[in-house]
Amino acid sequence: MCKKALVVFSISNELFQILLNISINNLNSKQKKIIIHLRNNNVNINVTRIIENLSENLKCSKSTIWNNLKVLKKYKLIDYGSLNNKGIPINITNIGRFISEYLEEKHDRPKNL
């Protein structure tokens, strides 16, 4: 049986605010809408299946959704399967959750969500 180590770390509040502001300022409105949607809807499906839903909700093309999901994954705000790990459900990471909550608290929530 393999046990996972619990890694605990802390950063200063100032550093956290800096990282948060950098993340917020680099996200476009569609990316903000996507992470808020994922957090609020607790989806448990693979990324291919959620594309249609997001495309309809955000009223944009599927390729636009794919491009924005790739950016969010690159920023480590969401995670989903790849060619080597097919079928892994899309999920929002802990930092993605913090950022989406921050967006709603600070009233920086994108319109038409």
PDB file of N, CA and C in Angstrom:
ATOM      1  N   MET A   1       0.843  -1.175   0.000  1.00  0.00           N
ATOM      2  CA  MET A   1       0.000   0.000   0.000  1.00  0.00           C
ATOM      3  C   MET A   1       0.890   1.241   0.000  1.00  0.00           C
ATOM      4  N   CYS A   2       0.628   2.112  -0.936  1.00  0.00           N
ATOM      5  CA  CYS A   2       1.413   3.339  -1.065  1.00  0.00           C
ATOM      6  C   CYS A   2       0.675   4.487  -0.388  1.00  0.00           C
ATOM      7  N   LYS A   3       1.367   5.155   0.527  1.00  0.00           N
ATOM      8  CA  LYS A   3       0.752   6.294   1.206  1.00  0.00           C
ATOM      9  C   LYS A   3       1.268   7.571   0.587  1.00  0.00           C
ATOM     10  N   LYS A   4       0.369   8.535   0.442  1.00  0.00           N
ATOM     11  CA  LYS A   4       0.751   9.828  -0.099  1.00  0.00           C
ATOM     12  C   LYS A   4       1.158  10.745   1.039  1.00  0.00           C
ATOM     13  N   ALA A   5       2.187  11.515   0.817  1.00  0.00           N
ATOM     14  CA  ALA A   5       2.640  12.464   1.826  1.00  0.00           C
ATOM     15  C   ALA A   5       1.784  13.721   1.754  1.00  0.00           C
ATOM     16  N   LEU A   6       1.472  14.256   2.891  1.00  0.00           N
ATOM     17  CA  LEU A   6       0.725  15.506   2.969  1.00  0.00           C
ATOM     18  C   LEU A   6       1.720  16.648   2.953  1.00  0.00           C
ATOM     19  N   VAL A   7       1.602  17.501   1.959  1.00  0.00           N
ATOM     20  CA  VAL A   7       2.505  18.638   1.839  1.00  0.00           C
ATOM     21  C   VAL A   7       1.746  19.887   2.266  1.00  0.00           C
ATOM     22  N   VAL A   8       2.274  20.549   3.252  1.00  0.00           N
ATOM     23  CA  VAL A   8       1.652  21.760   3.764  1.00  0.00           C
ATOM     24  C   VAL A   8       2.631  22.904   3.561  1.00  0.00           C
ATOM     25  N   PHE A   9       2.149  23.972   3.001  1.00  0.00           N
ATOM     26  CA  PHE A   9       2.996  25.139   2.844  1.00  0.00           C
ATOM     27  C   PHE A   9       2.147  26.379   3.051  1.00  0.00           C
ATOM     28  N   SER A  10       2.819  27.460   3.309  1.00  0.00           N
ATOM     29  CA  SER A  10       2.095  28.716   3.451  1.00  0.00           C
ATOM     30  C   SER A  10       2.890  29.801   2.738  1.00  0.00           C
ATOM     31  N   ILE A  11       2.162  30.779   2.283  1.00  0.00           N
ATOM     32  CA  ILE A  11       2.791  31.940   1.677  1.00  0.00           C
ATOM     33  C   ILE A  11       2.217  33.163   2.366  1.00  0.00           C
ATOM     34  N   SER A  12       2.943  34.227   2.293  1.00  0.00           N
ATOM     35  CA  SER A  12       2.466  35.436   2.947  1.00  0.00           C
ATOM     36  C   SER A  12       1.206  35.941   2.245  1.00  0.00           C
ATOM     37  N   ASN A  13       0.398  36.650   2.978  1.00  0.00           N
ATOM     38  CA  ASN A  13      -0.820  37.213   2.417  1.00  0.00           C
ATOM     39  C   ASN A  13      -0.497  38.148   1.247  1.00  0.00           C
ATOM     40  N   GLU A  14       0.582  38.904   1.385  1.00  0.00           N
ATOM     41  CA  GLU A  14       0.974  39.829   0.321  1.00  0.00           C
ATOM     42  C   GLU A  14       1.341  39.075  -0.951  1.00  0.00           C
ATOM     43  N   LEU A  15       2.107  38.007  -0.824  1.00  0.00           N
ATOM     44  CA  LEU A  15       2.479  37.211  -1.986  1.00  0.00           C
ATOM     45  C   LEU A  15       1.249  36.567  -2.612  1.00  0.00           C
ATOM     46  N   PHE A  16       0.340  36.076  -1.776  1.00  0.00           N
ATOM     47  CA  PHE A  16      -0.897  35.479  -2.276  1.00  0.00           C
ATOM     48  C   PHE A  16      -1.692  36.509  -3.077  1.00  0.00           C
ATOM     49  N   GLN A  17      -1.813  37.739  -2.572  1.00  0.00           N
ATOM     50  CA  GLN A  17      -2.545  38.795  -3.280  1.00  0.00           C
ATOM     51  C   GLN A  17      -1.888  39.127  -4.617  1.00  0.00           C
ATOM     52  N   ILE A  18      -0.568  39.140  -4.634  1.00  0.00           N
ATOM     53  CA  ILE A  18       0.149  39.413  -5.884  1.00  0.00           C
ATOM     54  C   ILE A  18      -0.144  38.323  -6.913  1.00  0.00           C
ATOM     55  N   LEU A  19      -0.038  37.065  -6.495  1.00  0.00           N
ATOM     56  CA  LEU A  19      -0.321  35.949  -7.406  1.00  0.00           C
ATOM     57  C   LEU A  19      -1.770  35.968  -7.878  1.00  0.00           C
ATOM     58  N   LEU A  20      -2.672  36.283  -6.971  1.00  0.00           N
ATOM     59  CA  LEU A  20      -4.082  36.360  -7.311  1.00  0.00           C
ATOM     60  C   LEU A  20      -4.335  37.464  -8.335  1.00  0.00           C
ATOM     61  N   ASN A  21      -3.759  38.631  -8.115  1.00  0.00           N
ATOM     62  CA  ASN A  21      -3.949  39.748  -9.045  1.00  0.00           C
ATOM     63  C   ASN A  21      -3.349  39.461 -10.416  1.00  0.00           C
ATOM     64  N   ILE A  22      -2.198  38.819 -10.443  1.00  0.00           N
ATOM     65  CA  ILE A  22      -1.598  38.442 -11.731  1.00  0.00           C
ATOM     66  C   ILE A  22      -2.528  37.488 -12.464  1.00  0.00           C
ATOM     67  N   SER A  23      -3.050  36.505 -11.752  1.00  0.00           N
ATOM     68  CA  SER A  23      -3.959  35.538 -12.376  1.00  0.00           C
ATOM     69  C   SER A  23      -5.213  36.211 -12.887  1.00  0.00           C
ATOM     70  N   ILE A  24      -5.819  37.041 -12.061  1.00  0.00           N
ATOM     71  CA  ILE A  24      -7.065  37.721 -12.425  1.00  0.00           C
ATOM     72  C   ILE A  24      -6.867  38.609 -13.648  1.00  0.00           C
ATOM     73  N   ASN A  25      -5.793  39.356 -13.671  1.00  0.00           N
ATOM     74  CA  ASN A  25      -5.565  40.295 -14.764  1.00  0.00           C
ATOM     75  C   ASN A  25      -5.206  39.614 -16.075  1.00  0.00           C
ATOM     76  N   ASN A  26      -4.750  38.372 -16.012  1.00  0.00           N
ATOM     77  CA  ASN A  26      -4.393  37.656 -17.233  1.00  0.00           C
ATOM     78  C   ASN A  26      -5.532  36.814 -17.794  1.00  0.00           C
ATOM     79  N   LEU A  27      -6.633  36.704 -17.055  1.00  0.00           N
ATOM     80  CA  LEU A  27      -7.770  35.928 -17.546  1.00  0.00           C
ATOM     81  C   LEU A  27      -8.712  36.810 -18.341  1.00  0.00           C
ATOM     82  N   ASN A  28      -9.193  36.307 -19.484  1.00  0.00           N
ATOM     83  CA  ASN A  28     -10.197  37.057 -20.227  1.00  0.00           C
ATOM     84  C   ASN A  28     -11.583  36.728 -19.667  1.00  0.00           C
ATOM     85  N   SER A  29     -12.611  37.393 -20.148  1.00  0.00           N
ATOM     86  CA  SER A  29     -13.951  37.209 -19.577  1.00  0.00           C
ATOM     87  C   SER A  29     -14.480  35.788 -19.786  1.00  0.00           C
ATOM     88  N   LYS A  30     -14.178  35.171 -20.919  1.00  0.00           N
ATOM     89  CA  LYS A  30     -14.640  33.795 -21.146  1.00  0.00           C
ATOM     90  C   LYS A  30     -13.962  32.825 -20.181  1.00  0.00           C
ATOM     91  N   GLN A  31     -12.684  33.012 -19.941  1.00  0.00           N
ATOM     92  CA  GLN A  31     -11.973  32.157 -19.003  1.00  0.00           C
ATOM     93  C   GLN A  31     -12.543  32.311 -17.590  1.00  0.00           C
ATOM     94  N   LYS A  32     -12.877  33.534 -17.214  1.00  0.00           N
ATOM     95  CA  LYS A  32     -13.508  33.774 -15.911  1.00  0.00           C
ATOM     96  C   LYS A  32     -14.864  33.067 -15.840  1.00  0.00           C
ATOM     97  N   LYS A  33     -15.628  33.168 -16.911  1.00  0.00           N
ATOM     98  CA  LYS A  33     -16.938  32.516 -16.944  1.00  0.00           C
ATOM     99  C   LYS A  33     -16.798  31.004 -16.844  1.00  0.00           C
ATOM    100  N   ILE A  34     -15.806  30.455 -17.508  1.00  0.00           N
ATOM    101  CA  ILE A  34     -15.605  29.003 -17.497  1.00  0.00           C
ATOM    102  C   ILE A  34     -15.273  28.505 -16.099  1.00  0.00           C
ATOM    103  N   ILE A  35     -14.330  29.151 -15.412  1.00  0.00           N
ATOM    104  CA  ILE A  35     -13.973  28.626 -14.079  1.00  0.00           C
ATOM    105  C   ILE A  35     -15.112  28.817 -13.083  1.00  0.00           C
ATOM    106  N   ILE A  36     -15.879  29.901 -13.234  1.00  0.00           N
ATOM    107  CA  ILE A  36     -17.040  30.080 -12.358  1.00  0.00           C
ATOM    108  C   ILE A  36     -18.084  29.005 -12.658  1.00  0.00           C
ATOM    109  N   HIS A  37     -18.312  28.730 -13.934  1.00  0.00           N
ATOM    110  CA  HIS A  37     -19.274  27.693 -14.320  1.00  0.00           C
ATOM    111  C   HIS A  37     -18.859  26.332 -13.757  1.00  0.00           C
ATOM    112  N   LEU A  38     -17.579  25.995 -13.904  1.00  0.00           N
ATOM    113  CA  LEU A  38     -17.103  24.703 -13.420  1.00  0.00           C
ATOM    114  C   LEU A  38     -17.234  24.594 -11.903  1.00  0.00           C
ATOM    115  N   ARG A  39     -16.944  25.668 -11.196  1.00  0.00           N
ATOM    116  CA  ARG A  39     -17.049  25.634  -9.733  1.00  0.00           C
ATOM    117  C   ARG A  39     -18.503  25.520  -9.296  1.00  0.00           C
ATOM    118  N   ASN A  40     -19.385  26.261  -9.938  1.00  0.00           N
ATOM    119  CA  ASN A  40     -20.787  26.286  -9.518  1.00  0.00           C
ATOM    120  C   ASN A  40     -21.566  25.040  -9.927  1.00  0.00           C
ATOM    121  N   ASN A  41     -21.088  24.309 -10.919  1.00  0.00           N
ATOM    122  CA  ASN A  41     -21.856  23.179 -11.434  1.00  0.00           C
ATOM    123  C   ASN A  41     -21.279  21.812 -11.098  1.00  0.00           C
ATOM    124  N   ASN A  42     -20.143  21.746 -10.448  1.00  0.00           N
ATOM    125  CA  ASN A  42     -19.552  20.466 -10.033  1.00  0.00           C
ATOM    126  C   ASN A  42     -19.686  19.383 -11.096  1.00  0.00           C
ATOM    127  N   VAL A  43     -19.241  19.686 -12.289  1.00  0.00           N
ATOM    128  CA  VAL A  43     -19.348  18.721 -13.379  1.00  0.00           C
ATOM    129  C   VAL A  43     -18.391  17.563 -13.152  1.00  0.00           C
ATOM    130  N   ASN A  44     -18.802  16.388 -13.571  1.00  0.00           N
ATOM    131  CA  ASN A  44     -17.966  15.199 -13.431  1.00  0.00           C
ATOM    132  C   ASN A  44     -17.975  14.428 -14.748  1.00  0.00           C
ATOM    133  N   ILE A  45     -17.642  15.143 -15.829  1.00  0.00           N
ATOM    134  CA  ILE A  45     -17.606  14.528 -17.159  1.00  0.00           C
ATOM    135  C   ILE A  45     -16.291  14.890 -17.834  1.00  0.00           C
ATOM    136  N   ASN A  46     -15.958  14.165 -18.888  1.00  0.00           N
ATOM    137  CA  ASN A  46     -14.695  14.478 -19.557  1.00  0.00           C
ATOM    138  C   ASN A  46     -14.828  15.779 -20.356  1.00  0.00           C
ATOM    139  N   VAL A  47     -13.700  16.317 -20.721  1.00  0.00           N
ATOM    140  CA  VAL A  47     -13.653  17.652 -21.322  1.00  0.00           C
ATOM    141  C   VAL A  47     -14.400  17.711 -22.653  1.00  0.00           C
ATOM    142  N   THR A  48     -14.341  16.659 -23.445  1.00  0.00           N
ATOM    143  CA  THR A  48     -15.009  16.663 -24.749  1.00  0.00           C
ATOM    144  C   THR A  48     -16.514  16.866 -24.592  1.00  0.00           C
ATOM    145  N   ARG A  49     -17.084  16.264 -23.581  1.00  0.00           N
ATOM    146  CA  ARG A  49     -18.532  16.366 -23.386  1.00  0.00           C
ATOM    147  C   ARG A  49     -18.974  17.719 -22.840  1.00  0.00           C
ATOM    148  N   ILE A  50     -18.116  18.399 -22.124  1.00  0.00           N
ATOM    149  CA  ILE A  50     -18.529  19.689 -21.566  1.00  0.00           C
ATOM    150  C   ILE A  50     -18.402  20.826 -22.580  1.00  0.00           C
ATOM    151  N   ILE A  51     -17.655  20.605 -23.648  1.00  0.00           N
ATOM    152  CA  ILE A  51     -17.463  21.637 -24.677  1.00  0.00           C
ATOM    153  C   ILE A  51     -18.800  22.116 -25.227  1.00  0.00           C
ATOM    154  N   GLU A  52     -19.673  21.199 -25.565  1.00  0.00           N
ATOM    155  CA  GLU A  52     -20.992  21.551 -26.118  1.00  0.00           C
ATOM    156  C   GLU A  52     -21.772  22.430 -25.142  1.00  0.00           C
ATOM    157  N   ASN A  53     -21.802  22.016 -23.888  1.00  0.00           N
ATOM    158  CA  ASN A  53     -22.522  22.761 -22.852  1.00  0.00           C
ATOM    159  C   ASN A  53     -21.967  24.171 -22.688  1.00  0.00           C
ATOM    160  N   LEU A  54     -20.659  24.286 -22.589  1.00  0.00           N
ATOM    161  CA  LEU A  54     -20.035  25.601 -22.424  1.00  0.00           C
ATOM    162  C   LEU A  54     -20.238  26.478 -23.658  1.00  0.00           C
ATOM    163  N   SER A  55     -20.172  25.867 -24.830  1.00  0.00           N
ATOM    164  CA  SER A  55     -20.371  26.602 -26.072  1.00  0.00           C
ATOM    165  C   SER A  55     -21.764  27.227 -26.122  1.00  0.00           C
ATOM    166  N   GLU A  56     -22.769  26.469 -25.708  1.00  0.00           N
ATOM    167  CA  GLU A  56     -24.142  26.990 -25.680  1.00  0.00           C
ATOM    168  C   GLU A  56     -24.311  28.063 -24.608  1.00  0.00           C
ATOM    169  N   ASN A  57     -23.799  27.803 -23.407  1.00  0.00           N
ATOM    170  CA  ASN A  57     -23.955  28.754 -22.301  1.00  0.00           C
ATOM    171  C   ASN A  57     -23.235  30.070 -22.543  1.00  0.00           C
ATOM    172  N   LEU A  58     -22.051  29.999 -23.137  1.00  0.00           N
ATOM    173  CA  LEU A  58     -21.252  31.213 -23.350  1.00  0.00           C
ATOM    174  C   LEU A  58     -21.457  31.828 -24.728  1.00  0.00           C
ATOM    175  N   LYS A  59     -22.272  31.155 -25.547  1.00  0.00           N
ATOM    176  CA  LYS A  59     -22.594  31.646 -26.886  1.00  0.00           C
ATOM    177  C   LYS A  59     -21.340  31.952 -27.708  1.00  0.00           C
ATOM    178  N   CYS A  60     -20.496  30.935 -27.801  1.00  0.00           N
ATOM    179  CA  CYS A  60     -19.295  31.063 -28.620  1.00  0.00           C
ATOM    180  C   CYS A  60     -18.963  29.699 -29.230  1.00  0.00           C
ATOM    181  N   SER A  61     -18.015  29.691 -30.130  1.00  0.00           N
ATOM    182  CA  SER A  61     -17.685  28.458 -30.855  1.00  0.00           C
ATOM    183  C   SER A  61     -16.977  27.444 -29.953  1.00  0.00           C
ATOM    184  N   LYS A  62     -17.041  26.199 -30.369  1.00  0.00           N
ATOM    185  CA  LYS A  62     -16.375  25.133 -29.631  1.00  0.00           C
ATOM    186  C   LYS A  62     -14.858  25.324 -29.643  1.00  0.00           C
ATOM    187  N   SER A  63     -14.327  25.827 -30.744  1.00  0.00           N
ATOM    188  CA  SER A  63     -12.878  26.041 -30.809  1.00  0.00           C
ATOM    189  C   SER A  63     -12.444  27.129 -29.820  1.00  0.00           C
ATOM    190  N   THR A  64     -13.285  28.131 -29.617  1.00  0.00           N
ATOM    191  CA  THR A  64     -12.993  29.167 -28.629  1.00  0.00           C
ATOM    192  C   THR A  64     -12.959  28.576 -27.226  1.00  0.00           C
ATOM    193  N   ILE A  65     -13.915  27.695 -26.951  1.00  0.00           N
ATOM    194  CA  ILE A  65     -13.944  27.028 -25.642  1.00  0.00           C
ATOM    195  C   ILE A  65     -12.685  26.191 -25.458  1.00  0.00           C
ATOM    196  N   TRP A  66     -12.331  25.389 -26.478  1.00  0.00           N
ATOM    197  CA  TRP A  66     -11.117  24.567 -26.387  1.00  0.00           C
ATOM    198  C   TRP A  66      -9.892  25.428 -26.102  1.00  0.00           C
ATOM    199  N   ASN A  67      -9.745  26.516 -26.834  1.00  0.00           N
ATOM    200  CA  ASN A  67      -8.581  27.390 -26.648  1.00  0.00           C
ATOM    201  C   ASN A  67      -8.533  27.956 -25.231  1.00  0.00           C
ATOM    202  N   ASN A  68      -9.683  28.377 -24.711  1.00  0.00           N
ATOM    203  CA  ASN A  68      -9.722  28.933 -23.360  1.00  0.00           C
ATOM    204  C   ASN A  68      -9.472  27.864 -22.299  1.00  0.00           C
ATOM    205  N   LEU A  69      -9.962  26.648 -22.522  1.00  0.00           N
ATOM    206  CA  LEU A  69      -9.700  25.553 -21.584  1.00  0.00           C
ATOM    207  C   LEU A  69      -8.210  25.217 -21.547  1.00  0.00           C
ATOM    208  N   LYS A  70      -7.565  25.255 -22.704  1.00  0.00           N
ATOM    209  CA  LYS A  70      -6.118  24.981 -22.750  1.00  0.00           C
ATOM    210  C   LYS A  70      -5.335  26.012 -21.946  1.00  0.00           C
ATOM    211  N   VAL A  71      -5.748  27.271 -22.032  1.00  0.00           N
ATOM    212  CA  VAL A  71      -5.083  28.330 -21.261  1.00  0.00           C
ATOM    213  C   VAL A  71      -5.303  28.097 -19.769  1.00  0.00           C
ATOM    214  N   LEU A  72      -6.527  27.794 -19.375  1.00  0.00           N
ATOM    215  CA  LEU A  72      -6.826  27.556 -17.961  1.00  0.00           C
ATOM    216  C   LEU A  72      -6.051  26.350 -17.430  1.00  0.00           C
ATOM    217  N   LYS A  73      -5.883  25.338 -18.258  1.00  0.00           N
ATOM    218  CA  LYS A  73      -5.099  24.174 -17.845  1.00  0.00           C
ATOM    219  C   LYS A  73      -3.626  24.549 -17.721  1.00  0.00           C
ATOM    220  N   LYS A  74      -3.140  25.337 -18.655  1.00  0.00           N
ATOM    221  CA  LYS A  74      -1.744  25.792 -18.608  1.00  0.00           C
ATOM    222  C   LYS A  74      -1.480  26.597 -17.332  1.00  0.00           C
ATOM    223  N   TYR A  75      -2.433  27.410 -16.915  1.00  0.00           N
ATOM    224  CA  TYR A  75      -2.320  28.202 -15.683  1.00  0.00           C
ATOM    225  C   TYR A  75      -2.571  27.362 -14.431  1.00  0.00           C
ATOM    226  N   LYS A  76      -2.892  26.066 -14.608  1.00  0.00           N
ATOM    227  CA  LYS A  76      -3.167  25.145 -13.501  1.00  0.00           C
ATOM    228  C   LYS A  76      -4.428  25.526 -12.717  1.00  0.00           C
ATOM    229  N   LEU A  77      -5.399  26.127 -13.412  1.00  0.00           N
ATOM    230  CA  LEU A  77      -6.670  26.493 -12.770  1.00  0.00           C
ATOM    231  C   LEU A  77      -7.702  25.390 -12.948  1.00  0.00           C
ATOM    232  N   ILE A  78      -7.517  24.578 -13.982  1.00  0.00           N
ATOM    233  CA  ILE A  78      -8.363  23.400 -14.201  1.00  0.00           C
ATOM    234  C   ILE A  78      -7.454  22.250 -14.599  1.00  0.00           C
ATOM    235  N   ASP A  79      -8.019  21.056 -14.578  1.00  0.00           N
ATOM    236  CA  ASP A  79      -7.278  19.887 -15.026  1.00  0.00           C
ATOM    237  C   ASP A  79      -8.244  18.950 -15.739  1.00  0.00           C
ATOM    238  N   TYR A  80      -7.749  18.259 -16.735  1.00  0.00           N
ATOM    239  CA  TYR A  80      -8.536  17.263 -17.458  1.00  0.00           C
ATOM    240  C   TYR A  80      -7.586  16.325 -18.171  1.00  0.00           C
ATOM    241  N   GLY A  81      -8.114  15.277 -18.741  1.00  0.00           N
ATOM    242  CA  GLY A  81      -7.306  14.257 -19.389  1.00  0.00           C
ATOM    243  C   GLY A  81      -6.522  14.762 -20.587  1.00  0.00           C
ATOM    244  N   SER A  82      -5.653  13.908 -21.079  1.00  0.00           N
ATOM    245  CA  SER A  82      -4.830  14.218 -22.244  1.00  0.00           C
ATOM    246  C   SER A  82      -4.800  12.983 -23.146  1.00  0.00           C
ATOM    247  N   LEU A  83      -3.986  13.013 -24.171  1.00  0.00           N
ATOM    248  CA  LEU A  83      -3.866  11.850 -25.052  1.00  0.00           C
ATOM    249  C   LEU A  83      -3.428  10.615 -24.270  1.00  0.00           C
ATOM    250  N   ASN A  84      -2.589  10.801 -23.275  1.00  0.00           N
ATOM    251  CA  ASN A  84      -2.092   9.679 -22.481  1.00  0.00           C
ATOM    252  C   ASN A  84      -3.033   9.290 -21.344  1.00  0.00           C
ATOM    253  N   ASN A  85      -3.923  10.197 -20.949  1.00  0.00           N
ATOM    254  CA  ASN A  85      -4.849   9.955 -19.830  1.00  0.00           C
ATOM    255  C   ASN A  85      -6.277  10.277 -20.241  1.00  0.00           C
ATOM    256  N   LYS A  86      -6.790   9.575 -21.205  1.00  0.00           N
ATOM    257  CA  LYS A  86      -8.136   9.855 -21.716  1.00  0.00           C
ATOM    258  C   LYS A  86      -9.202   9.509 -20.691  1.00  0.00           C
ATOM    259  N   GLY A  87     -10.298  10.257 -20.727  1.00  0.00           N
ATOM    260  CA  GLY A  87     -11.455   9.963 -19.897  1.00  0.00           C
ATOM    261  C   GLY A  87     -11.429  10.558 -18.506  1.00  0.00           C
ATOM    262  N   ILE A  88     -10.360  11.258 -18.152  1.00  0.00           N
ATOM    263  CA  ILE A  88     -10.303  11.883 -16.828  1.00  0.00           C
ATOM    264  C   ILE A  88     -11.254  13.076 -16.829  1.00  0.00           C
ATOM    265  N   PRO A  89     -12.157  13.157 -15.848  1.00  0.00           N
ATOM    266  CA  PRO A  89     -13.122  14.254 -15.829  1.00  0.00           C
ATOM    267  C   PRO A  89     -12.442  15.614 -15.632  1.00  0.00           C
ATOM    268  N   ILE A  90     -13.060  16.625 -16.199  1.00  0.00           N
ATOM    269  CA  ILE A  90     -12.561  17.983 -16.005  1.00  0.00           C
ATOM    270  C   ILE A  90     -12.871  18.408 -14.572  1.00  0.00           C
ATOM    271  N   ASN A  91     -11.916  19.058 -13.945  1.00  0.00           N
ATOM    272  CA  ASN A  91     -12.181  19.584 -12.611  1.00  0.00           C
ATOM    273  C   ASN A  91     -11.412  20.872 -12.389  1.00  0.00           C
ATOM    274  N   ILE A  92     -11.897  21.650 -11.473  1.00  0.00           N
ATOM    275  CA  ILE A  92     -11.268  22.911 -11.129  1.00  0.00           C
ATOM    276  C   ILE A  92     -10.275  22.639 -10.004  1.00  0.00           C
ATOM    277  N   THR A  93      -9.092  23.210 -10.105  1.00  0.00           N
ATOM    278  CA  THR A  93      -8.073  23.005  -9.081  1.00  0.00           C
ATOM    279  C   THR A  93      -8.373  23.889  -7.873  1.00  0.00           C
ATOM    280  N   ASN A  94      -7.639  23.669  -6.814  1.00  0.00           N
ATOM    281  CA  ASN A  94      -7.857  24.490  -5.612  1.00  0.00           C
ATOM    282  C   ASN A  94      -7.621  25.967  -5.884  1.00  0.00           C
ATOM    283  N   ILE A  95      -6.554  26.285  -6.606  1.00  0.00           N
ATOM    284  CA  ILE A  95      -6.302  27.707  -6.893  1.00  0.00           C
ATOM    285  C   ILE A  95      -7.355  28.247  -7.844  1.00  0.00           C
ATOM    286  N   GLY A  96      -7.845  27.430  -8.770  1.00  0.00           N
ATOM    287  CA  GLY A  96      -8.939  27.841  -9.650  1.00  0.00           C
ATOM    288  C   GLY A  96     -10.199  28.147  -8.856  1.00  0.00           C
ATOM    289  N   ARG A  97     -10.447  27.341  -7.832  1.00  0.00           N
ATOM    290  CA  ARG A  97     -11.595  27.559  -6.949  1.00  0.00           C
ATOM    291  C   ARG A  97     -11.445  28.886  -6.193  1.00  0.00           C
ATOM    292  N   PHE A  98     -10.243  29.128  -5.653  1.00  0.00           N
ATOM    293  CA  PHE A  98      -9.994  30.387  -4.942  1.00  0.00           C
ATOM    294  C   PHE A  98     -10.224  31.586  -5.857  1.00  0.00           C
ATOM    295  N   ILE A  99      -9.706  31.484  -7.073  1.00  0.00           N
ATOM    296  CA  ILE A  99      -9.836  32.601  -8.007  1.00  0.00           C
ATOM    297  C   ILE A  99     -11.287  32.835  -8.395  1.00  0.00           C
ATOM    298  N   SER A 100     -12.035  31.779  -8.661  1.00  0.00           N
ATOM    299  CA  SER A 100     -13.446  31.963  -9.034  1.00  0.00           C
ATOM    300  C   SER A 100     -14.250  32.533  -7.873  1.00  0.00           C
ATOM    301  N   GLU A 101     -13.935  32.114  -6.654  1.00  0.00           N
ATOM    302  CA  GLU A 101     -14.612  32.693  -5.485  1.00  0.00           C
ATOM    303  C   GLU A 101     -14.254  34.162  -5.330  1.00  0.00           C
ATOM    304  N   TYR A 102     -12.992  34.482  -5.531  1.00  0.00           N
ATOM    305  CA  TYR A 102     -12.530  35.863  -5.450  1.00  0.00           C
ATOM    306  C   TYR A 102     -13.238  36.731  -6.493  1.00  0.00           C
ATOM    307  N   LEU A 103     -13.392  36.214  -7.700  1.00  0.00           N
ATOM    308  CA  LEU A 103     -14.079  36.959  -8.758  1.00  0.00           C
ATOM    309  C   LEU A 103     -15.499  37.328  -8.334  1.00  0.00           C
ATOM    310  N   GLU A 104     -16.201  36.380  -7.740  1.00  0.00           N
ATOM    311  CA  GLU A 104     -17.580  36.644  -7.322  1.00  0.00           C
ATOM    312  C   GLU A 104     -17.633  37.576  -6.115  1.00  0.00           C
ATOM    313  N   GLU A 105     -16.719  37.413  -5.177  1.00  0.00           N
ATOM    314  CA  GLU A 105     -16.697  38.276  -4.000  1.00  0.00           C
ATOM    315  C   GLU A 105     -16.385  39.719  -4.356  1.00  0.00           C
ATOM    316  N   LYS A 106     -15.476  39.911  -5.270  1.00  0.00           N
ATOM    317  CA  LYS A 106     -15.045  41.263  -5.638  1.00  0.00           C
ATOM    318  C   LYS A 106     -15.919  41.862  -6.739  1.00  0.00           C
ATOM    319  N   HIS A 107     -17.009  41.205  -7.048  1.00  0.00           N
ATOM    320  CA  HIS A 107     -17.953  41.681  -8.067  1.00  0.00           C
ATOM    321  C   HIS A 107     -17.290  41.860  -9.419  1.00  0.00           C
ATOM    322  N   ASP A 108     -16.247  41.071  -9.671  1.00  0.00           N
ATOM    323  CA  ASP A 108     -15.596  41.077 -10.966  1.00  0.00           C
ATOM    324  C   ASP A 108     -16.151  39.936 -11.811  1.00  0.00           C
ATOM    325  N   ARG A 109     -17.306  39.453 -11.381  1.00  0.00           N
ATOM    326  CA  ARG A 109     -17.946  38.331 -12.087  1.00  0.00           C
ATOM    327  C   ARG A 109     -18.356  38.783 -13.479  1.00  0.00           C
ATOM    328  N   PRO A 110     -17.999  38.028 -14.483  1.00  0.00           N
ATOM    329  CA  PRO A 110     -18.386  38.391 -15.851  1.00  0.00           C
ATOM    330  C   PRO A 110     -19.898  38.418 -16.016  1.00  0.00           C
ATOM    331  N   LYS A 111     -20.360  39.316 -16.828  1.00  0.00           N
ATOM    332  CA  LYS A 111     -21.797  39.413 -17.096  1.00  0.00           C
ATOM    333  C   LYS A 111     -22.237  38.269 -17.990  1.00  0.00           C
ATOM    334  N   ASN A 112     -23.557  38.031 -18.012  1.00  0.00           N
ATOM    335  CA  ASN A 112     -24.170  36.990 -18.852  1.00  0.00           C
ATOM    336  C   ASN A 112     -23.692  35.594 -18.513  1.00  0.00           C
ATOM    337  N   LEU A 113     -23.563  35.314 -17.250  1.00  0.00           N
ATOM    338  CA  LEU A 113     -23.166  33.966 -16.860  1.00  0.00           C
ATOM    339  C   LEU A 113     -24.360  33.229 -16.340  1.00  0.00           C
TER     340      LEU A 113
END
